[in-house]
C-alpha atoms as a PDB file:
ATOM      1  CA  UNK A   1     -22.116 -34.301 -25.460  1.00  0.00           C
ATOM      2  CA  UNK A   2     -19.450 -32.665 -27.626  1.00  0.00           C
ATOM      3  CA  UNK A   3     -21.975 -30.025 -28.695  1.00  0.00           C
ATOM      4  CA  UNK A   4     -22.624 -29.043 -25.045  1.00  0.00           C
ATOM      5  CA  UNK A   5     -18.925 -28.478 -24.504  1.00  0.00           C
ATOM      6  CA  UNK A   6     -18.810 -25.953 -27.326  1.00  0.00           C
ATOM      7  CA  UNK A   7     -21.731 -24.085 -25.739  1.00  0.00           C
ATOM      8  CA  UNK A   8     -20.298 -24.000 -22.210  1.00  0.00           C
ATOM      9  CA  UNK A   9     -16.928 -22.734 -23.416  1.00  0.00           C
ATOM     10  CA  UNK A  10     -18.664 -19.474 -24.384  1.00  0.00           C
ATOM     11  CA  UNK A  11     -20.726 -18.984 -21.249  1.00  0.00           C
ATOM     12  CA  UNK A  12     -19.620 -15.693 -19.841  1.00  0.00           C
ATOM     13  CA  UNK A  13     -18.404 -15.717 -16.239  1.00  0.00           C
ATOM     14  CA  UNK A  14     -19.690 -13.004 -13.920  1.00  0.00           C
ATOM     15  CA  UNK A  15     -18.422 -14.466 -10.642  1.00  0.00           C
ATOM     16  CA  UNK A  16     -14.822 -15.108  -9.622  1.00  0.00           C
ATOM     17  CA  UNK A  17     -13.445 -17.350  -6.879  1.00  0.00           C
ATOM     18  CA  UNK A  18     -10.938 -15.985  -4.397  1.00  0.00           C
ATOM     19  CA  UNK A  19      -8.432 -18.290  -2.767  1.00  0.00           C
ATOM     20  CA  UNK A  20      -7.500 -18.469   0.917  1.00  0.00           C
ATOM     21  CA  UNK A  21      -4.152 -20.004   1.776  1.00  0.00           C
ATOM     22  CA  UNK A  22      -3.473 -22.966  -0.542  1.00  0.00           C
ATOM     23  CA  UNK A  23      -2.877 -26.276   1.201  1.00  0.00           C
ATOM     24  CA  UNK A  24      -3.975 -24.879   4.558  1.00  0.00           C
ATOM     25  CA  UNK A  25      -7.741 -24.743   3.986  1.00  0.00           C
ATOM     26  CA  UNK A  26      -8.357 -26.837   7.118  1.00  0.00           C
ATOM     27  CA  UNK A  27      -6.582 -24.198   9.250  1.00  0.00           C
ATOM     28  CA  UNK A  28      -8.216 -21.109   7.720  1.00  0.00           C
ATOM     29  CA  UNK A  29     -10.122 -20.263  10.883  1.00  0.00           C
ATOM     30  CA  UNK A  30      -6.908 -20.352  12.958  1.00  0.00           C
ATOM     31  CA  UNK A  31      -4.930 -18.371  10.392  1.00  0.00           C
ATOM     32  CA  UNK A  32      -7.678 -15.746  10.292  1.00  0.00           C
ATOM     33  CA  UNK A  33      -7.307 -14.987  14.026  1.00  0.00           C
ATOM     34  CA  UNK A  34      -3.743 -13.531  13.822  1.00  0.00           C
ATOM     35  CA  UNK A  35      -4.650 -11.831  10.516  1.00  0.00           C
ATOM     36  CA  UNK A  36      -7.692 -10.220  12.200  1.00  0.00           C
ATOM     37  CA  UNK A  37      -5.526  -9.098  15.104  1.00  0.00           C
ATOM     38  CA  UNK A  38      -2.941  -7.614  12.743  1.00  0.00           C
ATOM     39  CA  UNK A  39      -5.638  -5.723  10.824  1.00  0.00           C
ATOM     40  CA  UNK A  40      -7.167  -4.495  14.074  1.00  0.00           C
ATOM     41  CA  UNK A  41      -3.775  -3.231  15.346  1.00  0.00           C
ATOM     42  CA  UNK A  42      -3.045  -1.647  11.932  1.00  0.00           C
ATOM     43  CA  UNK A  43      -6.385   0.213  11.855  1.00  0.00           C
ATOM     44  CA  UNK A  44      -6.082   1.235  15.517  1.00  0.00           C
ATOM     45  CA  UNK A  45      -2.449   2.362  15.047  1.00  0.00           C
ATOM     46  CA  UNK A  46      -3.194   4.517  12.004  1.00  0.00           C
ATOM     47  CA  UNK A  47      -6.302   6.029  13.638  1.00  0.00           C
ATOM     48  CA  UNK A  48      -4.169   6.845  16.713  1.00  0.00           C
ATOM     49  CA  UNK A  49      -1.556   8.604  14.562  1.00  0.00           C
ATOM     50  CA  UNK A  50      -4.292  10.626  12.784  1.00  0.00           C
ATOM     51  CA  UNK A  51      -5.978  11.499  16.100  1.00  0.00           C
ATOM     52  CA  UNK A  52      -2.721  12.574  17.793  1.00  0.00           C
ATOM     53  CA  UNK A  53      -1.637  14.727  14.827  1.00  0.00           C
ATOM     54  CA  UNK A  54      -5.088  16.347  14.601  1.00  0.00           C
ATOM     55  CA  UNK A  55      -5.462  17.144  18.314  1.00  0.00           C
ATOM     56  CA  UNK A  56      -1.883  18.204  19.047  1.00  0.00           C
ATOM     57  CA  UNK A  57      -1.079  21.753  17.789  1.00  0.00           C
ATOM     58  CA  UNK A  58       2.692  21.215  18.126  1.00  0.00           C
ATOM     59  CA  UNK A  59       2.444  18.492  15.435  1.00  0.00           C
ATOM     60  CA  UNK A  60       0.828  20.815  12.893  1.00  0.00           C
ATOM     61  CA  UNK A  61       3.909  20.794  10.682  1.00  0.00           C
ATOM     62  CA  UNK A  62       4.478  19.574   7.082  1.00  0.00           C
ATOM     63  CA  UNK A  63       6.316  16.399   8.176  1.00  0.00           C
ATOM     64  CA  UNK A  64       3.347  15.292  10.300  1.00  0.00           C
ATOM     65  CA  UNK A  65       0.777  16.303   7.689  1.00  0.00           C
ATOM     66  CA  UNK A  66       2.571  14.001   5.259  1.00  0.00           C
ATOM     67  CA  UNK A  67       2.652  11.316   7.942  1.00  0.00           C
ATOM     68  CA  UNK A  68      -1.132  11.606   8.318  1.00  0.00           C
ATOM     69  CA  UNK A  69      -1.436  11.170   4.516  1.00  0.00           C
ATOM     70  CA  UNK A  70       0.636   7.987   4.895  1.00  0.00           C
ATOM     71  CA  UNK A  71      -1.679   6.810   7.697  1.00  0.00           C
ATOM     72  CA  UNK A  72      -4.748   7.521   5.511  1.00  0.00           C
ATOM     73  CA  UNK A  73      -3.219   5.517   2.627  1.00  0.00           C
ATOM     74  CA  UNK A  74      -2.517   2.648   5.040  1.00  0.00           C
ATOM     75  CA  UNK A  75      -6.084   2.768   6.370  1.00  0.00           C
ATOM     76  CA  UNK A  76      -7.448   2.742   2.824  1.00  0.00           C
ATOM     77  CA  UNK A  77      -5.240  -0.225   1.927  1.00  0.00           C
ATOM     78  CA  UNK A  78      -6.335  -2.164   5.030  1.00  0.00           C
ATOM     79  CA  UNK A  79     -10.035  -1.456   4.572  1.00  0.00           C
ATOM     80  CA  UNK A  80      -9.903  -2.307   0.832  1.00  0.00           C
ATOM     81  CA  UNK A  81      -8.351  -5.746   1.252  1.00  0.00           C
ATOM     82  CA  UNK A  82      -9.809  -6.764   4.640  1.00  0.00           C
ATOM     83  CA  UNK A  83     -13.456  -7.609   3.721  1.00  0.00           C
ATOM     84  CA  UNK A  84     -12.725 -10.279   1.089  1.00  0.00           C
ATOM     85  CA  UNK A  85      -9.788 -11.688   3.047  1.00  0.00           C
ATOM     86  CA  UNK A  86     -11.998 -12.222   6.095  1.00  0.00           C
ATOM     87  CA  UNK A  87     -14.879 -13.607   4.049  1.00  0.00           C
ATOM     88  CA  UNK A  88     -12.583 -16.119   2.390  1.00  0.00           C
ATOM     89  CA  UNK A  89     -10.710 -17.219   5.509  1.00  0.00           C
ATOM     90  CA  UNK A  90     -13.387 -16.954   8.216  1.00  0.00           C
ATOM     91  CA  UNK A  91     -16.635 -17.761   6.432  1.00  0.00           C
ATOM     92  CA  UNK A  92     -15.270 -19.843   3.562  1.00  0.00           C
ATOM     93  CA  UNK A  93     -17.205 -17.659   1.081  1.00  0.00           C
ATOM     94  CA  UNK A  94     -14.758 -17.274  -1.794  1.00  0.00           C
ATOM     95  CA  UNK A  95     -17.151 -16.003  -4.483  1.00  0.00           C
ATOM     96  CA  UNK A  96     -17.045 -12.385  -5.619  1.00  0.00           C
ATOM     97  CA  UNK A  97     -19.022 -10.705  -8.403  1.00  0.00           C
ATOM     98  CA  UNK A  98     -17.014  -9.290 -11.301  1.00  0.00           C
ATOM     99  CA  UNK A  99     -17.994  -5.654 -10.615  1.00  0.00           C
ATOM    100  CA  UNK A 100     -17.163  -5.886  -6.893  1.00  0.00           C
ATOM    101  CA  UNK A 101     -13.840  -7.404  -7.881  1.00  0.00           C
ATOM    102  CA  UNK A 102     -13.053  -4.538 -10.306  1.00  0.00           C
ATOM    103  CA  UNK A 103     -14.015  -1.990  -7.629  1.00  0.00           C
ATOM    104  CA  UNK A 104     -11.806  -3.685  -5.039  1.00  0.00           C
ATOM    105  CA  UNK A 105      -8.743  -3.800  -7.270  1.00  0.00           C
ATOM    106  CA  UNK A 106      -9.310  -0.108  -8.134  1.00  0.00           C
ATOM    107  CA  UNK A 107      -9.135   0.873  -4.446  1.00  0.00           C
ATOM    108  CA  UNK A 108      -6.267  -1.501  -3.611  1.00  0.00           C
ATOM    109  CA  UNK A 109      -4.106  -0.235  -6.495  1.00  0.00           C
ATOM    110  CA  UNK A 110      -5.234   3.364  -5.879  1.00  0.00           C
ATOM    111  CA  UNK A 111      -4.154   3.366  -2.235  1.00  0.00           C
ATOM    112  CA  UNK A 112      -0.919   1.526  -3.114  1.00  0.00           C
ATOM    113  CA  UNK A 113      -0.096   4.245  -5.684  1.00  0.00           C
ATOM    114  CA  UNK A 114      -1.064   6.845  -3.057  1.00  0.00           C
ATOM    115  CA  UNK A 115       1.303   5.373  -0.484  1.00  0.00           C
ATOM    116  CA  UNK A 116       4.101   5.260  -3.038  1.00  0.00           C
ATOM    117  CA  UNK A 117       3.572   8.958  -3.901  1.00  0.00           C
ATOM    118  CA  UNK A 118       3.358   9.996  -0.234  1.00  0.00           C
ATOM    119  CA  UNK A 119       6.653   8.206   0.528  1.00  0.00           C
ATOM    120  CA  UNK A 120       8.237  10.108  -2.384  1.00  0.00           C
ATOM    121  CA  UNK A 121       6.932  13.482  -1.154  1.00  0.00           C
ATOM    122  CA  UNK A 122       8.131  12.640   2.371  1.00  0.00           C
ATOM    123  CA  UNK A 123      11.651  12.070   1.041  1.00  0.00           C
ATOM    124  CA  UNK A 124      11.544  15.498  -0.699  1.00  0.00           C
ATOM    125  CA  UNK A 125      10.281  16.970   2.574  1.00  0.00           C
ATOM    126  CA  UNK A 126      13.256  15.519   4.467  1.00  0.00           C
ATOM    127  CA  UNK A 127      15.652  16.802   1.776  1.00  0.00           C
ATOM    128  CA  UNK A 128      14.188  20.326   2.005  1.00  0.00           C
ATOM    129  CA  UNK A 129      14.331  20.297   5.827  1.00  0.00           C
ATOM    130  CA  UNK A 130      18.002  19.261   5.826  1.00  0.00           C
ATOM    131  CA  UNK A 131      19.209  21.174   2.761  1.00  0.00           C
ATOM    132  CA  UNK A 132      17.344  24.430   3.322  1.00  0.00           C
ATOM    133  CA  UNK A 133      16.170  24.582   6.961  1.00  0.00           C
ATOM    134  CA  UNK A 134      15.765  28.371   7.041  1.00  0.00           C
ATOM    135  CA  UNK A 135      13.427  28.545   4.062  1.00  0.00           C
ATOM    136  CA  UNK A 136      11.691  25.201   4.815  1.00  0.00           C
ATOM    137  CA  UNK A 137       8.587  26.609   6.522  1.00  0.00           C
ATOM    138  CA  UNK A 138       8.131  29.363   3.917  1.00  0.00           C
ATOM    139  CA  UNK A 139       8.383  26.833   1.055  1.00  0.00           C
ATOM    140  CA  UNK A 140       6.097  24.210   2.624  1.00  0.00           C
ATOM    141  CA  UNK A 141       3.153  26.202   3.940  1.00  0.00           C
ATOM    142  CA  UNK A 142       0.005  24.453   5.220  1.00  0.00           C
ATOM    143  CA  UNK A 143      -1.875  25.464   2.051  1.00  0.00           C
ATOM    144  CA  UNK A 144       0.867  24.056  -0.153  1.00  0.00           C
ATOM    145  CA  UNK A 145       0.932  20.796   1.814  1.00  0.00           C
ATOM    146  CA  UNK A 146      -2.863  20.463   1.387  1.00  0.00           C
ATOM    147  CA  UNK A 147      -2.521  21.154  -2.358  1.00  0.00           C
ATOM    148  CA  UNK A 148       0.224  18.522  -2.673  1.00  0.00           C
ATOM    149  CA  UNK A 149      -2.009  16.023  -0.799  1.00  0.00           C
ATOM    150  CA  UNK A 150      -4.965  16.711  -3.110  1.00  0.00           C
ATOM    151  CA  UNK A 151      -2.832  16.399  -6.255  1.00  0.00           C
ATOM    152  CA  UNK A 152      -1.301  13.108  -5.022  1.00  0.00           C
ATOM    153  CA  UNK A 153      -4.696  11.583  -4.276  1.00  0.00           C
ATOM    154  CA  UNK A 154      -6.081  12.692  -7.646  1.00  0.00           C
ATOM    155  CA  UNK A 155      -2.987  11.509  -9.564  1.00  0.00           C
ATOM    156  CA  UNK A 156      -2.938   8.091  -7.836  1.00  0.00           C
ATOM    157  CA  UNK A 157      -6.571   7.252  -8.524  1.00  0.00           C
ATOM    158  CA  UNK A 158      -6.415   8.703 -12.038  1.00  0.00           C
ATOM    159  CA  UNK A 159      -3.443   6.415 -12.732  1.00  0.00           C
ATOM    160  CA  UNK A 160      -5.427   3.285 -11.773  1.00  0.00           C
ATOM    161  CA  UNK A 161      -8.806   4.371 -13.224  1.00  0.00           C
ATOM    162  CA  UNK A 162      -8.128   2.544 -16.547  1.00  0.00           C
ATOM    163  CA  UNK A 163      -7.753  -0.749 -14.594  1.00  0.00           C
ATOM    164  CA  UNK A 164     -11.451  -1.370 -13.778  1.00  0.00           C
ATOM    165  CA  UNK A 165     -12.582   0.182 -17.082  1.00  0.00           C
ATOM    166  CA  UNK A 166     -10.388  -2.073 -19.238  1.00  0.00           C
ATOM    167  CA  UNK A 167     -11.083  -5.153 -17.074  1.00  0.00           C
ATOM    168  CA  UNK A 168     -14.827  -4.527 -17.500  1.00  0.00           C
ATOM    169  CA  UNK A 169     -14.444  -4.617 -21.282  1.00  0.00           C
ATOM    170  CA  UNK A 170     -12.746  -8.038 -21.291  1.00  0.00           C
ATOM    171  CA  UNK A 171     -14.654 -11.308 -21.685  1.00  0.00           C
ATOM    172  CA  UNK A 172     -14.257 -14.094 -19.111  1.00  0.00           C
ATOM    173  CA  UNK A 173     -15.316 -17.600 -20.097  1.00  0.00           C
ATOM    174  CA  UNK A 174     -13.264 -20.590 -18.955  1.00  0.00           C
ATOM    175  CA  UNK A 175     -11.271 -19.605 -15.881  1.00  0.00           C
ATOM    176  CA  UNK A 176     -12.691 -18.051 -12.735  1.00  0.00           C
ATOM    177  CA  UNK A 177     -10.126 -18.953 -10.062  1.00  0.00           C
ATOM    178  CA  UNK A 178      -8.087 -16.009  -8.748  1.00  0.00           C
ATOM    179  CA  UNK A 179      -4.814 -16.571  -6.911  1.00  0.00           C
ATOM    180  CA  UNK A 180      -5.314 -14.310  -3.851  1.00  0.00           C
ATOM    181  CA  UNK A 181      -7.978 -13.556  -1.258  1.00  0.00           C
ATOM    182  CA  UNK A 182      -8.589 -10.158  -2.886  1.00  0.00           C
ATOM    183  CA  UNK A 183      -8.648  -8.864  -6.468  1.00  0.00           C
ATOM    184  CA  UNK A 184      -5.554  -7.520  -8.211  1.00  0.00           C
ATOM    185  CA  UNK A 185      -5.442  -6.198 -11.778  1.00  0.00           C
ATOM    186  CA  UNK A 186      -2.643  -8.522 -12.939  1.00  0.00           C
ATOM    187  CA  UNK A 187      -4.493 -11.485 -11.466  1.00  0.00           C
ATOM    188  CA  UNK A 188      -7.934 -10.743 -12.958  1.00  0.00           C
ATOM    189  CA  UNK A 189      -6.643  -9.939 -16.459  1.00  0.00           C
ATOM    190  CA  UNK A 190      -5.070 -13.426 -16.729  1.00  0.00           C
ATOM    191  CA  UNK A 191      -8.575 -14.959 -16.523  1.00  0.00           C
ATOM    192  CA  UNK A 192      -9.798 -13.173 -19.650  1.00  0.00           C
ATOM    193  CA  UNK A 193     -10.429 -15.161 -22.801  1.00  0.00           C
ATOM    194  CA  UNK A 194     -10.459 -12.050 -25.002  1.00  0.00           C
ATOM    195  CA  UNK A 195      -7.349 -10.049 -25.945  1.00  0.00           C
ATOM    196  CA  UNK A 196      -5.875  -8.395 -22.842  1.00  0.00           C
ATOM    197  CA  UNK A 197      -2.892  -6.700 -24.523  1.00  0.00           C
ATOM    198  CA  UNK A 198      -4.000  -3.211 -23.399  1.00  0.00           C
ATOM    199  CA  UNK A 199      -4.118  -4.405 -19.771  1.00  0.00           C
ATOM    200  CA  UNK A 200      -0.653  -5.920 -20.016  1.00  0.00           C
ATOM    201  CA  UNK A 201       0.821  -2.701 -21.467  1.00  0.00           C
ATOM    202  CA  UNK A 202      -1.003  -0.336 -19.102  1.00  0.00           C
ATOM    203  CA  UNK A 203      -0.262  -2.559 -16.097  1.00  0.00           C
ATOM    204  CA  UNK A 204       3.423  -2.377 -17.014  1.00  0.00           C
ATOM    205  CA  UNK A 205       3.190   1.419 -17.332  1.00  0.00           C
ATOM    206  CA  UNK A 206       1.566   1.732 -13.866  1.00  0.00           C
ATOM    207  CA  UNK A 207       4.229  -0.530 -12.333  1.00  0.00           C
ATOM    208  CA  UNK A 208       6.867   1.635 -14.017  1.00  0.00           C
ATOM    209  CA  UNK A 209       5.375   4.741 -12.330  1.00  0.00           C
ATOM    210  CA  UNK A 210       5.791   3.004  -8.959  1.00  0.00           C
ATOM    211  CA  UNK A 211       9.405   2.203  -9.814  1.00  0.00           C
ATOM    212  CA  UNK A 212      10.004   5.851 -10.835  1.00  0.00           C
ATOM    213  CA  UNK A 213       8.751   6.886  -7.359  1.00  0.00           C
ATOM    214  CA  UNK A 214      11.221   4.453  -5.812  1.00  0.00           C
ATOM    215  CA  UNK A 215      14.133   5.701  -7.963  1.00  0.00           C
ATOM    216  CA  UNK A 216      13.324   9.330  -7.065  1.00  0.00           C
ATOM    217  CA  UNK A 217      13.302   8.399  -3.354  1.00  0.00           C
ATOM    218  CA  UNK A 218      16.796   6.905  -3.835  1.00  0.00           C
ATOM    219  CA  UNK A 219      17.900  10.139  -5.586  1.00  0.00           C
ATOM    220  CA  UNK A 220      16.479  12.198  -2.673  1.00  0.00           C
ATOM    221  CA  UNK A 221      18.525  10.160  -0.232  1.00  0.00           C
ATOM    222  CA  UNK A 222      21.703  10.539  -2.281  1.00  0.00           C
ATOM    223  CA  UNK A 223      21.133  14.325  -2.149  1.00  0.00           C
ATOM    224  CA  UNK A 224      20.382  14.146   1.606  1.00  0.00           C
ATOM    225  CA  UNK A 225      23.633  12.198   2.203  1.00  0.00           C
ATOM    226  CA  UNK A 226      25.577  14.721   0.123  1.00  0.00           C
ATOM    227  CA  UNK A 227      24.113  17.584   2.175  1.00  0.00           C
ATOM    228  CA  UNK A 228      24.682  15.805   5.511  1.00  0.00           C
ATOM    229  CA  UNK A 229      28.342  15.035   4.687  1.00  0.00           C
ATOM    230  CA  UNK A 230      28.827  18.756   4.108  1.00  0.00           C
ATOM    231  CA  UNK A 231      27.712  19.504   7.690  1.00  0.00           C
ATOM    232  CA  UNK A 232      30.651  20.210   9.994  1.00  0.00           C
ATOM    233  CA  UNK A 233      30.280  18.137  13.149  1.00  0.00           C
ATOM    234  CA  UNK A 234      29.523  14.438  13.394  1.00  0.00           C
ATOM    235  CA  UNK A 235      26.908  15.113  16.073  1.00  0.00           C
ATOM    236  CA  UNK A 236      24.958  17.367  13.688  1.00  0.00           C
ATOM    237  CA  UNK A 237      25.335  14.799  10.905  1.00  0.00           C
ATOM    238  CA  UNK A 238      23.793  12.085  13.078  1.00  0.00           C
ATOM    239  CA  UNK A 239      21.032  14.441  14.245  1.00  0.00           C
ATOM    240  CA  UNK A 240      20.131  15.259  10.619  1.00  0.00           C
ATOM    241  CA  UNK A 241      20.153  11.600   9.543  1.00  0.00           C
ATOM    242  CA  UNK A 242      18.125  10.608  12.591  1.00  0.00           C
ATOM    243  CA  UNK A 243      15.159  12.631  11.284  1.00  0.00           C
ATOM    244  CA  UNK A 244      15.109  10.311   8.245  1.00  0.00           C
ATOM    245  CA  UNK A 245      15.237   6.886   9.926  1.00  0.00           C
ATOM    246  CA  UNK A 246      11.461   6.410  10.309  1.00  0.00           C
ATOM    247  CA  UNK A 247      10.960   7.335   6.671  1.00  0.00           C
ATOM    248  CA  UNK A 248      13.711   4.951   5.500  1.00  0.00           C
ATOM    249  CA  UNK A 249      12.016   2.150   7.504  1.00  0.00           C
ATOM    250  CA  UNK A 250       8.640   2.999   5.905  1.00  0.00           C
ATOM    251  CA  UNK A 251      10.210   2.899   2.417  1.00  0.00           C
ATOM    252  CA  UNK A 252      11.838  -0.512   3.056  1.00  0.00           C
ATOM    253  CA  UNK A 253       8.638  -1.937   4.621  1.00  0.00           C
ATOM    254  CA  UNK A 254       6.595  -0.791   1.608  1.00  0.00           C
ATOM    255  CA  UNK A 255       8.878  -1.525  -1.362  1.00  0.00           C
ATOM    256  CA  UNK A 256      10.623  -4.729  -0.251  1.00  0.00           C
ATOM    257  CA  UNK A 257       7.523  -6.998  -0.514  1.00  0.00           C
ATOM    258  CA  UNK A 258       6.521  -5.321  -3.825  1.00  0.00           C
ATOM    259  CA  UNK A 259       9.960  -5.887  -5.369  1.00  0.00           C
ATOM    260  CA  UNK A 260      10.038  -9.460  -3.993  1.00  0.00           C
ATOM    261  CA  UNK A 261       6.592 -10.227  -5.391  1.00  0.00           C
ATOM    262  CA  UNK A 262       7.493  -8.722  -8.792  1.00  0.00           C
ATOM    263  CA  UNK A 263      10.652 -10.852  -8.965  1.00  0.00           C
ATOM    264  CA  UNK A 264       8.717 -14.005  -8.031  1.00  0.00           C
ATOM    265  CA  UNK A 265       5.976 -13.243 -10.608  1.00  0.00           C
ATOM    266  CA  UNK A 266       8.514 -12.511 -13.367  1.00  0.00           C
ATOM    267  CA  UNK A 267      11.375 -14.934 -12.879  1.00  0.00           C
ATOM    268  CA  UNK A 268      10.364 -17.842 -10.660  1.00  0.00           C
ATOM    269  CA  UNK A 269       8.432 -20.251 -12.853  1.00  0.00           C
ATOM    270  CA  UNK A 270       7.473 -22.815 -10.224  1.00  0.00           C
ATOM    271  CA  UNK A 271       7.095 -20.796  -7.025  1.00  0.00           C
ATOM    272  CA  UNK A 272       4.764 -22.549  -4.613  1.00  0.00           C
ATOM    273  CA  UNK A 273       1.320 -20.894  -4.604  1.00  0.00           C
ATOM    274  CA  UNK A 274       1.658 -20.740  -0.815  1.00  0.00           C
ATOM    275  CA  UNK A 275       4.761 -18.534  -1.073  1.00  0.00           C
ATOM    276  CA  UNK A 276       3.265 -16.009  -3.484  1.00  0.00           C
ATOM    277  CA  UNK A 277       0.008 -15.817  -1.491  1.00  0.00           C
ATOM    278  CA  UNK A 278       1.928 -15.238   1.753  1.00  0.00           C
ATOM    279  CA  UNK A 279       4.108 -12.595   0.071  1.00  0.00           C
ATOM    280  CA  UNK A 280       1.048 -10.806  -1.301  1.00  0.00           C
ATOM    281  CA  UNK A 281      -0.620 -10.886   2.119  1.00  0.00           C
ATOM    282  CA  UNK A 282       2.535  -9.457   3.693  1.00  0.00           C
ATOM    283  CA  UNK A 283       2.309  -6.613   1.171  1.00  0.00           C
ATOM    284  CA  UNK A 284      -1.099  -5.496   2.450  1.00  0.00           C
ATOM    285  CA  UNK A 285      -0.648  -6.340   6.127  1.00  0.00           C
ATOM    286  CA  UNK A 286       2.855  -5.246   7.049  1.00  0.00           C
ATOM    287  CA  UNK A 287       3.058  -1.552   5.957  1.00  0.00           C
ATOM    288  CA  UNK A 288      -0.231  -0.515   7.665  1.00  0.00           C
ATOM    289  CA  UNK A 289       0.768  -2.524  10.739  1.00  0.00           C
ATOM    290  CA  UNK A 290       4.402  -1.423  10.982  1.00  0.00           C
ATOM    291  CA  UNK A 291       4.309   2.251   9.927  1.00  0.00           C
ATOM    292  CA  UNK A 292       2.465   3.506  13.044  1.00  0.00           C
ATOM    293  CA  UNK A 293       4.717   1.351  15.265  1.00  0.00           C
ATOM    294  CA  UNK A 294       7.913   2.634  13.595  1.00  0.00           C
ATOM    295  CA  UNK A 295       6.783   6.269  13.780  1.00  0.00           C
ATOM    296  CA  UNK A 296       5.689   5.918  17.407  1.00  0.00           C
ATOM    297  CA  UNK A 297       9.017   4.403  18.412  1.00  0.00           C
ATOM    298  CA  UNK A 298      11.238   6.684  16.345  1.00  0.00           C
ATOM    299  CA  UNK A 299       9.432  10.047  16.599  1.00  0.00           C
ATOM    300  CA  UNK A 300       9.781  11.465  20.088  1.00  0.00           C
ATOM    301  CA  UNK A 301       6.940  13.999  19.751  1.00  0.00           C
ATOM    302  CA  UNK A 302       4.428  11.320  18.672  1.00  0.00           C
ATOM    303  CA  UNK A 303       5.618   8.889  21.349  1.00  0.00           C
ATOM    304  CA  UNK A 304       5.174  11.510  24.097  1.00  0.00           C
ATOM    305  CA  UNK A 305       1.725  12.549  22.826  1.00  0.00           C
ATOM    306  CA  UNK A 306       0.462   8.951  22.529  1.00  0.00           C
ATOM    307  CA  UNK A 307       1.697   8.199  26.056  1.00  0.00           C
ATOM    308  CA  UNK A 308       0.065  11.410  27.335  1.00  0.00           C
ATOM    309  CA  UNK A 309      -3.287  10.542  25.696  1.00  0.00           C
ATOM    310  CA  UNK A 310      -3.186   7.005  27.155  1.00  0.00           C
ATOM    311  CA  UNK A 311      -2.396   8.343  30.643  1.00  0.00           C
ATOM    312  CA  UNK A 312      -5.243  10.874  30.395  1.00  0.00           C
ATOM    313  CA  UNK A 313      -7.672   8.066  29.599  1.00  0.00           C
ATOM    314  CA  UNK A 314      -6.512   6.043  32.599  1.00  0.00           C
ATOM    315  CA  UNK A 315      -6.983   9.018  34.954  1.00  0.00           C
END
């Protein structure tokens, strides 16, 4: 019997098990209904934003091009995490092959990095528009905006490319239980029974890049505030700041769950699994759901166009 144990401890694992919502397995089907609705609204909302920006010539400006990049990142994030979440909650099918898992975490982290970069570029865009309004359109031409978009996409996915490659080189033997309903790099690497030092270091480096984005956004806003306070009248000050409110909301919606989750992972030793799973689900559900809503409410041009398109359809 003892001999068998030695053998099984070295059987390599090629399938992982995702987890739904711990302690609420009996209610998975009911929990999946609001989650499905939220995903549906998120996908519909981001598609609407993309459609309105594409079909409305008056929105062919840098600010809206960047907004469509944000909507694309949100769509990517939703579509990357949705399939396994639904499979786990709706069909109680928690198994996932190792390669599918590595591919999923590549896309999830890639689109997260993308969103982070787009939010940073949007803060620079707002700074340019407020600080140098006369030269704004000559600095940010359509070609330049497209180049920035291409570079961001390339940089984001290049940053996370080592994740699946290094995870694929690790050996997995004893543990196969993940702690979310989708694959994340930091989650998968903990299951390895070979040395995962490279993953720990590179994972830290990638997280640091995200934090650098956040710090640069803060710097942009300090510069924006400095510029705005130099504007003469209070009315103009408020008008200038008002163009930033949707972006500030998007930044808070995106970074708050990430920072919360990082703090819980690092410092809270005995956080309930339910809390960290809910926090992680909020991370992938709330930004794609809320960004289109915030931008529709706060941006007059988009609100008018969406209303116009809806009225057209009814006629």
